[in-house]
Amino acid sequence: MKVEFAPLSVPLQRRLQTASVVQWVFSFLALAQCCTAAFIALFFTRFWLVSALYAAWWLIDREKPSKGGRRIHVLRNCVVWRYMRDYFPIRLIKTAELDPRQNYLVGFHPHGVLAAGAFLNFCTEASGFSTIFPGITPHLMMLSLWFRIPFFRDYVMSGGLIPSDKESASYVLQKPGGGNLLAIIVGGAQEALDARPGSFTLLLKNRKGFVRLAIQNGTPLVPAFSFGENDVFDQVRNPKGSWLRRIQHWLQQIMGISLPLFHARGVFQYSFGLIPYRRPICTVVGKPIPVQKKHRPSEEEVDEIHQKYLNELSDLFEKHKAKYNVPEDSHLEFI
């Protein structure tokens, strides 16, 4: 006998979608703090052996994040991510086929405030990555700081996140047999300080390390632009040279993470809060740029591929911007 369940009511669906986004907004900082507190606190209880055994496991497993991580498909396919997808909504668009016999390096732009499109498209299956790009295993780079937190490191690895260092990147790009995609949010935390609705400024003009990495590994470069990524939060005005921008830059140098003062809507009201606006995010993945492998590329060779990448990214933006309500007179600005 087949059992059929009644569909969820629209109000309940919306509450679940909002709850999933609340979880995402607060999960990283809150969960990281909770994991650290729990690890320390357990040492002072009768469950101290849990932390002791985990500490031993942590020591044995310390190299795992830089060796491709440990993805858990059950968590990548968790229903909560589908509610998060439908909240905005978020979509992943393919414009060219990716050969599963090759590895790829994807440059993701822009960072936005919390990189919602990058996380949901590459660290979960909510947008159907495996269906859209069959035979490709995605990885997303994240600040190494987060992989030093007990318990939390295992959580972020489960989605395919790896530390943002050369060793971790090279391990993925050099995997034999191909079929691996490494996504790098090139603008990084600093670019988040310019993330606000209507902004198309990318911190990319002098960011060439990812190009050099692609050349050294002979990995095709793939540009990806996430339309709407900057539209889901407002940010307190912080022009360059202002006291707020100087403080944010100083804190970034100390902690490695930027602290944009963002705001949007609340859980039960729409005037002010930390929950993102319900505005669509569409990540468009461009066509691969062939790269000739060279162990020690010259500055001129890096500059040539970098300029080709900028041109392809600009073409991708111009070709698709009309579909996502970007004004005709808006263009990418590289700084």
Foldseek 3Di string as FASTA:
>chain_A
DDDDDDDDDPVVLQLLLLVLLVCVLPVQVVVLVVLQVVLVVCCVDPNVVVSVVLVVVCVVCVCQLLQQFAADQCVLADCSLLSPCVQLPEEEAEDDADDQQAEAEEAEDDCAQPNSNCCSQQQHCNRPNCPVHPNAHEAEEDAPVQCVGGPSVNVSSNRRYHHPDLSSVLNQRQDHRGRYYYYYNQQAQLSNQVQAPLDQEGAQPPRLPVLLSCQQSQHWYKYKYKPCSSYFKHFDDDDPPDPVSVVQVVVCVVPVHGDTHIWAQDSVGGDIGRRTDSHYIYMYIGDTDGHHHDNDDDPVNSVVVSVVVVVRNQVVCQVCVVVRPRDNPDGHHYD
